[in-house]
Amino acid sequence: MFQALNKTSKLVLATTAAAVLLAGGVFSPQQASAANGTPSYEVKLNLAPAIVADASHNLVSSVRSQFATGSSAKSYRVQYMDTAARSLDGLGWSDRIRKRSDQSTHQLQFKKRYPVTGGDINAALTTAAGDGLNSSAAGFEFQVDWTFSKQTLSVQYEKDVTVSGYSGSGLNAPNLATSRSVSIANAPSKFSNWTSTGWGTSQLNNAVIYGPVDFKRYKGEYKNLELDIEIWTILNATKTGTEDIVEASFKTDSLSEATSVRTDLINLLRSKGWLVESDILKTSLIMERYAPTASTPDTVAPTVPTNVTATPTSSTQIQVGWTASSDNVGMSGYDVYRNGVKVGSPTTISYSDSGLAPSTAYSYTIVAKDAAGNQSSASTAVSATTAASGGTGNGTLYYNVNGSSVSYIEAETYTSKNGTFIATACASCSGSNYMETPNGSGDSDTNYLRYDLEVTNGGSFYIYLLSQSPDSSSDSFNIAVDSGSNKQVTTGGSSWAWKKPSSTISLATGTHTLYIKVREDGARVDKIALSKTSSTPSGLGGTSLVPASH
């Protein structure tokens, strides 16, 4: 996250001999309104690397002396995640993984960019707010990036994480599989569900690495502000060697300070002959020069879907789920086959097959597809039988909850759902999936998961949710039984943990309906436990119930 300095300001210098992307320009910016997100301001300028950096990619003494940087620098390694088609970049998003050599953790950054036209920062903030990125967007920071020629609003989410196998000192960049999994596990829900539920997760499941790229950072001072000078070494345009980018910015919470210090710095750099009076978009150059080779057509099929489940939820419906496939370029979706006939083509990892006959067995297989039209082999077939129609239960299947022991239910095997809950793949979760409440899920009483229960040995039950927040904050669900009042369950932050309401819920012997409802966007639930004891379940809990006819 952005740390306030002595004057809530930070300064960085930047330059490159790489291709210049934009010509110079002058702004008369307007102060942003606090009605939307409140931004800080970072000024970025470019210097000529042939003048300010030596052949060993170090700052020359005249620059070090001017800004009192000293001769030592911190080393970093950076890589970006995107699909081969750059679908994240196409919608203004980036996913960056960064490691500093003397730190154990990696920093993840998810950033959404909005252009600022004619200095109208508030218009860009209003556009972002219309996308749900406003002052209440948990974990996001707002920053106006001000280069020599233009301004861009960056709305970014940053998180420090420990990446297993790549922590400790050194420039340890995770491999593709780990980069995908750590990005998916720590992505904010606003990114994960940007254009549709699960959009971001789907892109990251098929992302490739752009990079890695190394840079070093010198710390100095200018006008009592911290000055960072970064020298990046990237592939040149022909990919036959490397060239340096010495990238730059200063940050402050005040637009007037950003304006005055920017003017002073430009004048100084211009007088020294160091300033390149145009822009170089470092991230764009990395994405272009480290793009995967596309010289041969994609003929590689996605991996076969695994962990397929089929759960009858009534006399006319079966819920089918599976673990996500991966592809070398990019997935496009799945085909669901019932008894050998294709019945649906979802882009997510679940499918509700309805309109079925009562008391009938059905077999399901799943085929994964990529953007090039390649298809995986069919998954292992699974079967399920719908409930009988008529009778007391009217064909509904019930989870048989016995109060004499702890009863466990997989969250994704709900009886029915309403609204925007989605299933998300999770290899470490019980059942390999969890249910999530996307951003903008809305009113609690119209967005819910429903579980029909048949209780024996009734009484007062503790209802636990194995739950998680997408970030370090604690999100929450509401739970209710039948027409009873909502009871809040607060998640345990970014780690999976069993959590329960502050009081028990009465479940008399007989049939009941349990609801898990939206309360805060982004909350995740993996499993449910119902118990008469106050002992918190451990790990992933016990064997999950399978619903049966009433």
Protein backbone atom coordinates (compact mmCIF):
# COMPACT_ATOMS: atom_id res chain seq x y z
CA MET A 1 0.00 0.00 0.00
CA PHE A 2 1.08 3.60 -0.34
CA GLN A 3 2.90 4.84 2.76
CA ALA A 4 2.83 8.50 3.79
CA LEU A 5 6.32 10.07 3.97
CA ASN A 6 7.50 13.20 5.82
CA LYS A 7 5.26 15.37 3.70
CA THR A 8 3.12 12.47 2.41
CA SER A 9 5.27 12.69 -0.68
CA LYS A 10 7.59 10.49 -2.67
CA LEU A 11 9.71 11.25 -5.74
CA VAL A 12 11.06 8.86 -8.36
CA LEU A 13 13.10 9.47 -11.56
CA ALA A 14 12.70 7.43 -14.72
CA THR A 15 14.11 7.17 -18.24
CA THR A 16 14.83 4.82 -21.12
CA ALA A 17 16.34 4.46 -24.53
CA ALA A 18 13.40 2.24 -25.45
CA ALA A 19 10.81 3.28 -28.02
CA VAL A 20 9.06 6.55 -27.11
CA LEU A 21 5.32 6.10 -27.04
CA LEU A 22 3.90 9.57 -26.48
CA ALA A 23 4.89 13.16 -27.21
CA GLY A 24 5.13 15.87 -24.53
CA GLY A 25 2.26 17.93 -23.22
CA VAL A 26 1.16 20.34 -20.51
CA PHE A 27 -1.91 20.03 -18.25
CA SER A 28 -3.97 22.44 -16.19
CA PRO A 29 -5.37 19.75 -13.89
CA GLN A 30 -8.44 20.13 -11.70
CA GLN A 31 -8.50 19.10 -8.05
CA ALA A 32 -10.39 15.80 -7.62
CA SER A 33 -13.60 15.69 -5.64
CA ALA A 34 -13.69 13.63 -2.46
CA ALA A 35 -17.15 12.36 -3.44
CA ASN A 36 -15.47 9.44 -5.19
CA GLY A 37 -12.17 7.84 -4.26
CA THR A 38 -9.52 10.26 -2.97
CA PRO A 39 -6.28 9.95 -4.96
CA SER A 40 -2.66 10.60 -4.27
CA TYR A 41 -0.51 11.96 -7.11
CA GLU A 42 2.63 10.40 -8.58
CA VAL A 43 4.71 12.31 -11.12
CA LYS A 44 6.76 10.17 -13.52
CA LEU A 45 9.48 11.50 -15.78
CA ASN A 46 11.91 9.86 -18.22
CA LEU A 47 15.68 10.37 -18.44
CA ALA A 48 18.20 9.33 -21.08
CA PRO A 49 19.83 6.10 -19.85
CA ALA A 50 22.95 6.62 -21.96
CA ILE A 51 23.64 9.70 -19.83
CA VAL A 52 22.43 8.76 -16.33
CA ALA A 53 23.31 5.02 -16.21
CA ASP A 54 26.58 3.21 -16.85
CA ALA A 55 27.23 -0.06 -18.68
CA SER A 56 26.66 -2.03 -15.46
CA HIS A 57 23.17 -0.53 -15.07
CA ASN A 58 24.19 1.71 -12.17
CA LEU A 59 23.58 5.42 -11.68
CA VAL A 60 26.50 7.61 -12.69
CA SER A 61 28.15 9.67 -9.97
CA SER A 62 26.77 13.02 -11.15
CA VAL A 63 23.18 11.83 -10.70
CA ARG A 64 23.98 10.18 -7.37
CA SER A 65 25.59 13.40 -6.17
CA GLN A 66 22.72 15.60 -7.36
CA PHE A 67 20.14 13.61 -5.41
CA ALA A 68 22.33 12.23 -2.59
CA THR A 69 21.41 8.61 -3.31
CA GLY A 70 24.64 6.97 -2.24
CA SER A 71 26.05 4.05 -4.20
CA SER A 72 23.89 1.20 -2.85
CA ALA A 73 20.54 0.09 -4.32
CA LYS A 74 17.82 -2.44 -3.53
CA SER A 75 17.22 -5.22 -6.10
CA TYR A 76 13.77 -6.30 -7.33
CA ARG A 77 12.29 -8.85 -9.73
CA VAL A 78 8.89 -8.31 -11.36
CA GLN A 79 6.60 -10.34 -13.60
CA TYR A 80 3.10 -9.74 -14.94
CA MET A 81 0.28 -12.24 -15.46
CA ASP A 82 -2.10 -12.07 -18.42
CA THR A 83 -3.49 -14.38 -21.07
CA ALA A 84 -1.67 -14.78 -24.36
CA ALA A 85 -4.37 -12.58 -25.90
CA ARG A 86 -3.74 -9.96 -23.14
CA SER A 87 -7.37 -9.97 -22.08
CA LEU A 88 -6.59 -8.29 -18.73
CA ASP A 89 -4.64 -5.50 -20.42
CA GLY A 90 -7.44 -5.09 -22.96
CA LEU A 91 -9.83 -4.11 -20.13
CA GLY A 92 -7.30 -1.87 -18.39
CA TRP A 93 -6.24 -4.38 -15.71
CA SER A 94 -2.80 -5.66 -14.73
CA ASP A 95 -1.64 -8.35 -12.30
CA ARG A 96 1.93 -7.81 -11.04
CA ILE A 97 4.04 -10.09 -8.82
CA ARG A 98 7.10 -8.38 -7.28
CA LYS A 99 9.91 -9.62 -5.01
CA ARG A 100 12.62 -7.57 -3.26
CA SER A 101 15.84 -9.51 -2.66
CA ASP A 102 16.12 -8.73 1.05
CA GLN A 103 12.49 -9.47 1.88
CA SER A 104 10.80 -12.84 2.39
CA THR A 105 7.37 -12.03 0.94
CA HIS A 106 6.12 -11.21 -2.54
CA GLN A 107 3.88 -8.24 -3.29
CA LEU A 108 0.83 -8.77 -5.49
CA GLN A 109 -0.70 -5.78 -7.22
CA PHE A 110 -3.98 -5.71 -9.17
CA LYS A 111 -4.42 -2.39 -10.97
CA LYS A 112 -7.24 -0.90 -13.06
CA ARG A 113 -6.39 2.13 -15.23
CA TYR A 114 -8.66 4.98 -16.35
CA PRO A 115 -7.52 7.78 -18.71
CA VAL A 116 -7.72 11.37 -17.44
CA THR A 117 -8.85 13.72 -20.21
CA GLY A 118 -7.99 17.39 -20.13
CA GLY A 119 -6.91 17.21 -16.49
CA ASP A 120 -10.45 16.29 -15.33
CA ILE A 121 -9.47 13.87 -12.57
CA ASN A 122 -12.93 13.85 -11.04
CA ALA A 123 -14.46 12.57 -14.28
CA ALA A 124 -12.10 9.59 -14.20
CA LEU A 125 -12.93 8.96 -10.54
CA THR A 126 -16.64 9.09 -11.37
CA THR A 127 -16.14 6.53 -14.14
CA ALA A 128 -14.28 4.27 -11.71
CA ALA A 129 -17.05 4.68 -9.14
CA GLY A 130 -19.57 3.65 -11.76
CA ASP A 131 -17.60 0.39 -12.05
CA GLY A 132 -17.82 -0.13 -8.29
CA LEU A 133 -14.32 1.23 -7.58
CA ASN A 134 -15.25 4.03 -5.20
CA SER A 135 -14.14 5.16 -1.75
CA SER A 136 -15.79 2.12 -0.15
CA ALA A 137 -13.98 -0.44 -2.35
CA ALA A 138 -12.16 -2.40 0.34
CA GLY A 139 -8.40 -2.60 -0.07
CA PHE A 140 -8.15 -0.34 -3.14
CA GLU A 141 -6.03 2.83 -3.30
CA PHE A 142 -6.44 5.65 -5.83
CA GLN A 143 -3.52 7.35 -7.53
CA VAL A 144 -3.12 9.76 -10.45
CA ASP A 145 -0.03 8.84 -12.46
CA TRP A 146 1.26 12.05 -14.05
CA THR A 147 3.89 11.57 -16.73
CA PHE A 148 5.44 14.19 -18.98
CA SER A 149 2.53 14.03 -21.44
CA LYS A 150 -0.58 12.68 -19.74
CA GLN A 151 -2.42 11.67 -16.60
CA THR A 152 -3.92 8.26 -15.79
CA LEU A 153 -6.03 7.25 -12.80
CA SER A 154 -4.78 3.99 -11.27
CA VAL A 155 -7.03 2.13 -8.85
CA GLN A 156 -4.88 -0.55 -7.27
CA TYR A 157 -5.04 -3.33 -4.72
CA GLU A 158 -1.79 -4.53 -3.14
CA LYS A 159 -1.10 -7.44 -0.81
CA ASP A 160 2.07 -8.97 0.64
CA VAL A 161 1.96 -12.78 0.57
CA THR A 162 4.29 -15.63 1.46
CA VAL A 163 4.67 -17.86 -1.59
CA SER A 164 5.54 -21.43 -0.58
CA GLY A 165 8.81 -22.55 -2.16
CA TYR A 166 9.78 -19.02 -3.20
CA SER A 167 10.05 -17.13 0.10
CA GLY A 168 13.22 -16.07 1.86
CA SER A 169 15.95 -13.78 0.60
CA GLY A 170 16.85 -13.56 -3.08
CA LEU A 171 15.05 -12.76 -6.33
CA ASN A 172 12.75 -15.77 -6.34
CA ALA A 173 10.05 -15.52 -9.01
CA PRO A 174 7.34 -18.21 -8.83
CA ASN A 175 6.77 -20.54 -11.77
CA LEU A 176 3.66 -20.44 -13.94
CA ALA A 177 1.52 -22.84 -11.91
CA THR A 178 2.36 -21.12 -8.64
CA SER A 179 1.90 -17.65 -10.13
CA ARG A 180 -1.56 -18.62 -11.31
CA SER A 181 -2.62 -20.15 -8.01
CA VAL A 182 -1.27 -17.34 -5.81
CA SER A 183 -2.90 -14.71 -8.03
CA ILE A 184 -6.26 -16.48 -7.98
CA ALA A 185 -6.15 -17.05 -4.22
CA ASN A 186 -5.38 -13.40 -3.44
CA ALA A 187 -7.25 -11.50 -6.16
CA PRO A 188 -9.85 -8.99 -4.93
CA SER A 189 -13.39 -10.05 -5.77
CA LYS A 190 -13.98 -6.89 -7.82
CA PHE A 191 -11.30 -8.12 -10.22
CA SER A 192 -12.39 -11.76 -10.09
CA ASN A 193 -15.95 -10.86 -11.13
CA TRP A 194 -15.23 -7.81 -13.30
CA THR A 195 -17.35 -8.42 -16.43
CA SER A 196 -19.16 -11.50 -15.17
CA THR A 197 -18.99 -13.88 -12.24
CA GLY A 198 -15.64 -15.66 -12.24
CA TRP A 199 -14.21 -13.63 -15.15
CA GLY A 200 -10.90 -12.78 -13.49
CA THR A 201 -10.46 -16.28 -12.10
CA SER A 202 -10.99 -17.74 -15.57
CA GLN A 203 -8.40 -15.39 -17.09
CA LEU A 204 -5.81 -16.18 -14.42
CA ASN A 205 -6.40 -19.91 -14.79
CA ASN A 206 -5.09 -19.49 -18.34
CA ALA A 207 -2.59 -16.70 -17.80
CA VAL A 208 1.05 -16.76 -18.90
CA ILE A 209 4.04 -14.94 -17.43
CA TYR A 210 5.31 -11.70 -18.99
CA GLY A 211 8.83 -11.36 -17.63
CA PRO A 212 10.54 -11.66 -15.27
CA VAL A 213 12.30 -8.29 -15.34
CA ASP A 214 14.88 -7.02 -12.84
CA PHE A 215 15.35 -3.48 -11.59
CA LYS A 216 17.29 -1.69 -8.87
CA ARG A 217 16.15 1.25 -6.77
CA TYR A 218 18.30 4.04 -5.32
CA LYS A 219 16.93 6.25 -2.54
CA GLY A 220 17.78 9.93 -2.55
CA GLU A 221 16.30 13.33 -1.80
CA TYR A 222 14.99 16.36 -3.66
CA LYS A 223 13.50 19.44 -1.99
CA ASN A 224 13.10 17.51 1.26
CA LEU A 225 11.14 14.79 -0.52
CA GLU A 226 12.22 11.16 -0.79
CA LEU A 227 13.63 10.49 -4.24
CA ASP A 228 13.77 7.00 -5.73
CA ILE A 229 15.69 6.33 -8.91
CA GLU A 230 14.86 2.99 -10.54
CA ILE A 231 16.87 1.39 -13.33
CA TRP A 232 15.02 -1.37 -15.18
CA THR A 233 16.81 -3.72 -17.58
CA ILE A 234 14.47 -5.13 -20.24
CA LEU A 235 14.68 -6.84 -23.64
CA ASN A 236 15.31 -4.44 -26.48
CA ALA A 237 12.86 -4.08 -29.37
CA THR A 238 14.57 -6.75 -31.50
CA LYS A 239 14.97 -9.10 -28.52
CA THR A 240 18.67 -9.46 -29.30
CA GLY A 241 19.86 -7.81 -26.10
CA THR A 242 18.74 -5.52 -23.31
CA GLU A 243 18.36 -1.81 -22.65
CA ASP A 244 17.74 0.27 -19.56
CA ILE A 245 14.67 2.12 -18.37
CA VAL A 246 15.31 4.51 -15.48
CA GLU A 247 11.65 5.08 -14.43
CA ALA A 248 10.43 7.92 -12.29
CA SER A 249 7.76 9.47 -10.08
CA PHE A 250 7.13 11.51 -7.00
CA LYS A 251 4.08 11.06 -4.86
CA THR A 252 2.07 13.44 -2.73
CA ASP A 253 -1.48 13.72 -1.42
CA SER A 254 -1.66 17.33 -2.65
CA LEU A 255 -2.35 18.24 -6.27
CA SER A 256 -0.84 21.69 -5.79
CA GLU A 257 2.36 20.20 -4.40
CA ALA A 258 2.49 17.69 -7.26
CA THR A 259 2.15 20.54 -9.74
CA SER A 260 4.83 22.79 -8.25
CA VAL A 261 7.40 20.08 -7.57
CA ARG A 262 6.85 18.59 -11.02
CA THR A 263 7.59 21.97 -12.62
CA ASP A 264 10.75 22.42 -10.54
CA LEU A 265 11.98 18.91 -11.29
CA ILE A 266 11.37 19.24 -15.02
CA ASN A 267 13.32 22.50 -15.05
CA LEU A 268 16.22 20.93 -13.15
CA LEU A 269 16.40 17.83 -15.33
CA ARG A 270 16.10 19.91 -18.47
CA SER A 271 18.98 22.14 -17.35
CA LYS A 272 21.18 19.08 -16.75
CA GLY A 273 20.38 17.62 -20.16
CA TRP A 274 18.96 14.48 -18.53
CA LEU A 275 15.26 14.86 -19.38
CA VAL A 276 13.53 12.98 -22.20
CA GLU A 277 10.54 15.15 -23.01
CA SER A 278 8.17 12.33 -23.87
CA ASP A 279 6.65 9.26 -22.23
CA ILE A 280 7.75 5.64 -22.13
CA LEU A 281 5.13 3.19 -20.90
CA LYS A 282 7.28 0.61 -19.12
CA THR A 283 4.53 -1.95 -18.47
CA SER A 284 3.38 -1.81 -22.10
CA LEU A 285 6.93 -2.43 -23.32
CA ILE A 286 7.30 -5.43 -21.01
CA MET A 287 3.99 -6.88 -22.19
CA GLU A 288 5.02 -6.44 -25.82
CA ARG A 289 8.58 -7.71 -25.54
CA TYR A 290 7.96 -10.64 -23.22
CA ALA A 291 4.82 -11.88 -24.99
CA PRO A 292 4.70 -15.65 -25.64
CA THR A 293 5.60 -16.71 -29.15
CA ALA A 294 2.59 -17.27 -31.41
CA SER A 295 4.41 -18.45 -34.52
CA THR A 296 2.70 -21.86 -34.54
CA PRO A 297 -1.02 -22.55 -34.22
CA ASP A 298 -2.36 -23.74 -30.89
CA THR A 299 -3.00 -27.48 -31.12
CA VAL A 300 -2.76 -28.32 -27.42
CA ALA A 301 -6.00 -29.42 -25.79
CA PRO A 302 -6.98 -28.31 -22.28
CA THR A 303 -6.52 -30.70 -19.38
CA VAL A 304 -9.36 -33.08 -18.62
CA PRO A 305 -11.85 -31.80 -15.99
CA THR A 306 -11.48 -33.67 -12.70
CA ASN A 307 -13.41 -34.22 -9.46
CA VAL A 308 -16.75 -34.23 -11.26
CA THR A 309 -19.74 -34.45 -8.91
CA ALA A 310 -23.46 -34.86 -9.57
CA THR A 311 -25.84 -34.07 -6.72
CA PRO A 312 -29.62 -34.43 -7.08
CA THR A 313 -31.42 -31.49 -5.50
CA SER A 314 -35.03 -32.41 -6.34
CA SER A 315 -37.11 -34.78 -8.42
CA THR A 316 -36.35 -32.70 -11.53
CA GLN A 317 -32.86 -31.23 -11.01
CA ILE A 318 -29.23 -32.36 -10.57
CA GLN A 319 -26.34 -30.04 -9.69
CA VAL A 320 -23.09 -30.87 -11.54
CA GLY A 321 -19.69 -29.50 -10.54
CA TRP A 322 -16.00 -30.10 -11.36
CA THR A 323 -12.47 -28.77 -10.89
CA ALA A 324 -11.30 -26.24 -13.48
CA SER A 325 -9.16 -27.29 -16.43
CA SER A 326 -6.12 -25.37 -17.63
CA ASP A 327 -4.78 -24.63 -21.10
CA ASN A 328 -1.47 -23.47 -22.57
CA VAL A 329 -3.13 -20.41 -24.16
CA GLY A 330 -6.62 -19.83 -22.84
CA MET A 331 -9.82 -21.64 -21.88
CA SER A 332 -13.16 -20.76 -23.44
CA GLY A 333 -15.50 -22.97 -21.41
CA TYR A 334 -16.96 -26.45 -20.98
CA ASP A 335 -19.54 -28.77 -22.54
CA VAL A 336 -21.75 -30.81 -20.21
CA TYR A 337 -22.98 -34.16 -21.52
CA ARG A 338 -25.94 -36.01 -20.03
CA ASN A 339 -26.13 -39.65 -21.12
CA GLY A 340 -23.80 -38.78 -24.02
CA VAL A 341 -25.84 -35.79 -25.27
CA LYS A 342 -24.60 -32.21 -24.82
CA VAL A 343 -27.04 -30.28 -22.62
CA GLY A 344 -25.09 -27.14 -21.69
CA SER A 345 -21.94 -25.06 -22.33
CA PRO A 346 -21.11 -23.08 -19.19
CA THR A 347 -18.01 -20.93 -18.77
CA THR A 348 -17.93 -21.61 -15.01
CA ILE A 349 -17.28 -24.87 -13.15
CA SER A 350 -20.86 -25.80 -12.28
CA TYR A 351 -24.09 -26.54 -14.11
CA SER A 352 -27.68 -27.02 -12.90
CA ASP A 353 -29.43 -29.61 -15.06
CA SER A 354 -33.18 -29.12 -14.71
CA GLY A 355 -36.36 -30.45 -16.32
CA LEU A 356 -35.44 -34.06 -15.52
CA ALA A 357 -37.72 -37.01 -14.84
CA PRO A 358 -38.31 -38.17 -11.24
CA SER A 359 -36.68 -41.37 -9.94
CA THR A 360 -34.36 -41.52 -12.95
CA ALA A 361 -30.61 -42.15 -13.11
CA TYR A 362 -28.49 -39.82 -15.25
CA SER A 363 -24.81 -40.00 -16.23
CA TYR A 364 -22.64 -36.90 -16.76
CA THR A 365 -19.28 -36.17 -18.39
CA ILE A 366 -17.53 -32.82 -18.88
CA VAL A 367 -15.34 -31.70 -21.83
CA ALA A 368 -13.08 -28.63 -21.61
CA LYS A 369 -12.61 -26.27 -24.61
CA ASP A 370 -10.02 -23.63 -25.46
CA ALA A 371 -10.19 -20.51 -27.63
CA ALA A 372 -8.60 -22.33 -30.58
CA GLY A 373 -11.33 -24.98 -30.60
CA ASN A 374 -9.25 -27.75 -29.03
CA GLN A 375 -11.21 -30.07 -26.74
CA SER A 376 -10.08 -32.27 -23.89
CA SER A 377 -11.04 -35.89 -23.54
CA ALA A 378 -14.25 -36.45 -21.62
CA SER A 379 -14.02 -36.58 -17.85
CA THR A 380 -14.74 -39.68 -15.87
CA ALA A 381 -18.52 -40.25 -15.88
CA VAL A 382 -20.52 -39.74 -12.70
CA SER A 383 -24.14 -40.68 -12.07
CA ALA A 384 -26.97 -39.42 -9.91
CA THR A 385 -30.65 -40.30 -9.50
CA THR A 386 -33.39 -37.73 -9.11
CA ALA A 387 -35.80 -37.99 -6.20
CA ALA A 388 -39.22 -39.56 -6.50
CA SER A 389 -42.09 -37.21 -7.21
CA GLY A 390 -45.14 -36.81 -4.98
CA GLY A 391 -45.35 -37.84 -1.34
CA THR A 392 -44.60 -35.71 1.67
CA GLY A 393 -41.40 -34.26 0.30
CA ASN A 394 -42.74 -33.41 -3.16
CA GLY A 395 -39.51 -34.78 -4.67
CA THR A 396 -37.18 -32.61 -2.62
CA LEU A 397 -33.97 -34.16 -1.28
CA TYR A 398 -32.98 -33.49 2.31
CA TYR A 399 -29.73 -33.53 4.26
CA ASN A 400 -30.32 -35.89 7.18
CA VAL A 401 -28.90 -33.97 10.15
CA ASN A 402 -28.61 -36.08 13.30
CA GLY A 403 -28.14 -34.02 16.45
CA SER A 404 -26.17 -36.81 18.12
CA SER A 405 -23.10 -36.07 15.95
CA VAL A 406 -21.60 -33.31 13.82
CA SER A 407 -23.15 -33.06 10.34
CA TYR A 408 -21.14 -31.59 7.45
CA ILE A 409 -22.46 -30.21 4.14
CA GLU A 410 -20.40 -29.05 1.14
CA ALA A 411 -21.38 -25.44 0.41
CA GLU A 412 -21.51 -26.05 -3.34
CA THR A 413 -24.07 -28.91 -3.00
CA TYR A 414 -26.92 -26.56 -2.13
CA THR A 415 -30.54 -27.57 -2.64
CA SER A 416 -31.14 -24.38 -4.63
CA LYS A 417 -29.80 -20.87 -4.87
CA ASN A 418 -31.06 -17.44 -5.74
CA GLY A 419 -29.05 -14.47 -6.97
CA THR A 420 -25.35 -14.26 -7.68
CA PHE A 421 -23.48 -16.83 -5.57
CA ILE A 422 -20.85 -18.60 -7.72
CA ALA A 423 -18.75 -21.76 -7.36
CA THR A 424 -14.97 -21.24 -7.57
CA ALA A 425 -12.32 -23.94 -7.96
CA CYS A 426 -10.00 -24.45 -4.98
CA ALA A 427 -7.63 -27.43 -4.92
CA SER A 428 -7.06 -27.16 -1.16
CA CYS A 429 -10.76 -26.87 -0.28
CA SER A 430 -13.16 -29.59 0.76
CA GLY A 431 -14.84 -30.83 -2.42
CA SER A 432 -12.32 -28.77 -4.50
CA ASN A 433 -14.71 -25.80 -4.67
CA TYR A 434 -16.08 -22.99 -2.53
CA MET A 435 -19.05 -20.64 -2.94
CA GLU A 436 -18.44 -16.90 -3.19
CA THR A 437 -20.52 -13.73 -3.06
CA PRO A 438 -19.33 -11.49 -5.94
CA ASN A 439 -19.14 -7.71 -5.84
CA GLY A 440 -22.49 -6.01 -6.23
CA SER A 441 -24.38 -9.05 -4.94
CA GLY A 442 -27.02 -6.81 -3.41
CA ASP A 443 -29.70 -7.46 -0.83
CA SER A 444 -29.16 -10.29 1.62
CA ASP A 445 -32.67 -11.69 1.45
CA THR A 446 -32.65 -12.14 -2.33
CA ASN A 447 -29.13 -13.58 -2.72
CA TYR A 448 -28.78 -16.88 -0.88
CA LEU A 449 -27.87 -20.57 -0.87
CA ARG A 450 -30.62 -22.89 0.38
CA TYR A 451 -30.16 -26.29 2.07
CA ASP A 452 -33.16 -28.48 2.94
CA LEU A 453 -32.61 -30.38 6.20
CA GLU A 454 -34.35 -33.26 7.93
CA VAL A 455 -33.34 -33.15 11.58
CA THR A 456 -33.41 -36.02 14.05
CA ASN A 457 -32.51 -35.56 17.73
CA GLY A 458 -33.37 -31.90 17.45
CA GLY A 459 -32.35 -29.13 19.82
CA SER A 460 -30.06 -26.09 19.90
CA PHE A 461 -27.38 -26.23 17.20
CA TYR A 462 -24.21 -24.31 16.55
CA ILE A 463 -23.93 -23.66 12.81
CA TYR A 464 -20.33 -23.23 11.66
CA LEU A 465 -19.13 -21.98 8.28
CA LEU A 466 -15.64 -22.82 7.00
CA SER A 467 -15.17 -19.36 5.57
CA GLN A 468 -12.64 -16.85 4.26
CA SER A 469 -12.35 -13.25 3.09
CA PRO A 470 -10.60 -12.43 -0.23
CA ASP A 471 -8.25 -10.09 1.64
CA SER A 472 -7.01 -9.40 5.17
CA SER A 473 -10.29 -7.77 6.24
CA SER A 474 -13.11 -9.76 7.85
CA ASP A 475 -16.21 -10.12 5.67
CA SER A 476 -19.47 -11.77 6.71
CA PHE A 477 -22.55 -13.80 5.82
CA ASN A 478 -26.04 -13.89 7.27
CA ILE A 479 -27.53 -17.27 8.07
CA ALA A 480 -31.17 -18.04 8.90
CA VAL A 481 -33.36 -21.08 9.42
CA ASP A 482 -36.87 -21.22 7.98
CA SER A 483 -38.44 -17.76 8.46
CA GLY A 484 -36.23 -16.89 11.44
CA SER A 485 -34.13 -13.77 11.82
CA ASN A 486 -30.69 -13.36 10.25
CA LYS A 487 -27.62 -14.16 12.34
CA GLN A 488 -24.23 -12.79 11.31
CA VAL A 489 -21.19 -15.02 10.70
CA THR A 490 -17.93 -13.08 10.36
CA THR A 491 -15.10 -14.72 8.36
CA GLY A 492 -11.60 -15.18 9.71
CA GLY A 493 -9.90 -12.85 7.23
CA SER A 494 -7.66 -14.21 4.47
CA SER A 495 -7.20 -17.63 6.15
CA TRP A 496 -9.85 -20.35 6.07
CA ALA A 497 -11.42 -20.77 9.51
CA TRP A 498 -14.54 -22.24 11.09
CA LYS A 499 -16.80 -19.39 12.30
CA LYS A 500 -20.29 -19.36 13.85
CA PRO A 501 -22.93 -16.83 15.00
CA SER A 502 -22.78 -15.55 18.56
CA SER A 503 -25.68 -17.78 19.61
CA THR A 504 -27.18 -21.19 18.84
CA ILE A 505 -30.13 -21.79 16.52
CA SER A 506 -33.06 -24.02 17.46
CA LEU A 507 -33.73 -26.93 15.10
CA ALA A 508 -36.58 -29.11 16.30
CA THR A 509 -36.89 -32.66 15.01
CA GLY A 510 -38.41 -32.45 11.52
CA THR A 511 -37.75 -30.61 8.27
CA HIS A 512 -36.12 -27.18 8.04
CA THR A 513 -34.54 -24.87 5.49
CA LEU A 514 -31.11 -23.35 6.13
CA TYR A 515 -30.15 -20.18 4.25
CA ILE A 516 -26.67 -18.70 3.78
CA LYS A 517 -27.17 -15.13 2.60
CA VAL A 518 -25.07 -12.33 1.17
CA ARG A 519 -24.04 -9.73 3.74
CA GLU A 520 -20.68 -8.43 2.48
CA ASP A 521 -19.34 -8.81 -1.06
CA GLY A 522 -16.47 -11.23 -1.51
CA ALA A 523 -17.10 -13.55 1.45
CA ARG A 524 -16.37 -17.23 0.73
CA VAL A 525 -17.76 -20.43 2.25
CA ASP A 526 -16.33 -23.92 1.72
CA LYS A 527 -18.27 -26.13 4.11
CA ILE A 528 -21.04 -26.11 6.74
CA ALA A 529 -21.06 -27.91 10.08
CA LEU A 530 -24.11 -28.37 12.34
CA SER A 531 -23.39 -29.49 15.90
CA LYS A 532 -24.94 -29.40 19.37
CA THR A 533 -21.50 -28.92 20.93
CA SER A 534 -19.46 -25.72 21.05
CA SER A 535 -16.27 -27.51 19.96
CA THR A 536 -15.02 -25.83 16.79
CA PRO A 537 -14.40 -28.27 13.89
CA SER A 538 -10.81 -28.66 12.73
CA GLY A 539 -9.23 -28.78 9.29
CA LEU A 540 -11.71 -29.56 6.54
CA GLY A 541 -14.08 -31.30 8.96
CA GLY A 542 -15.58 -34.73 8.47
CA THR A 543 -17.32 -36.58 5.63
CA SER A 544 -20.02 -34.54 3.96
CA LEU A 545 -23.65 -35.61 3.86
CA VAL A 546 -25.37 -36.69 0.66
CA PRO A 547 -29.01 -35.58 0.36
CA ALA A 548 -31.70 -38.22 0.19
CA SER A 549 -35.45 -38.45 -0.37
CA HIS A 550 -37.66 -37.35 2.52
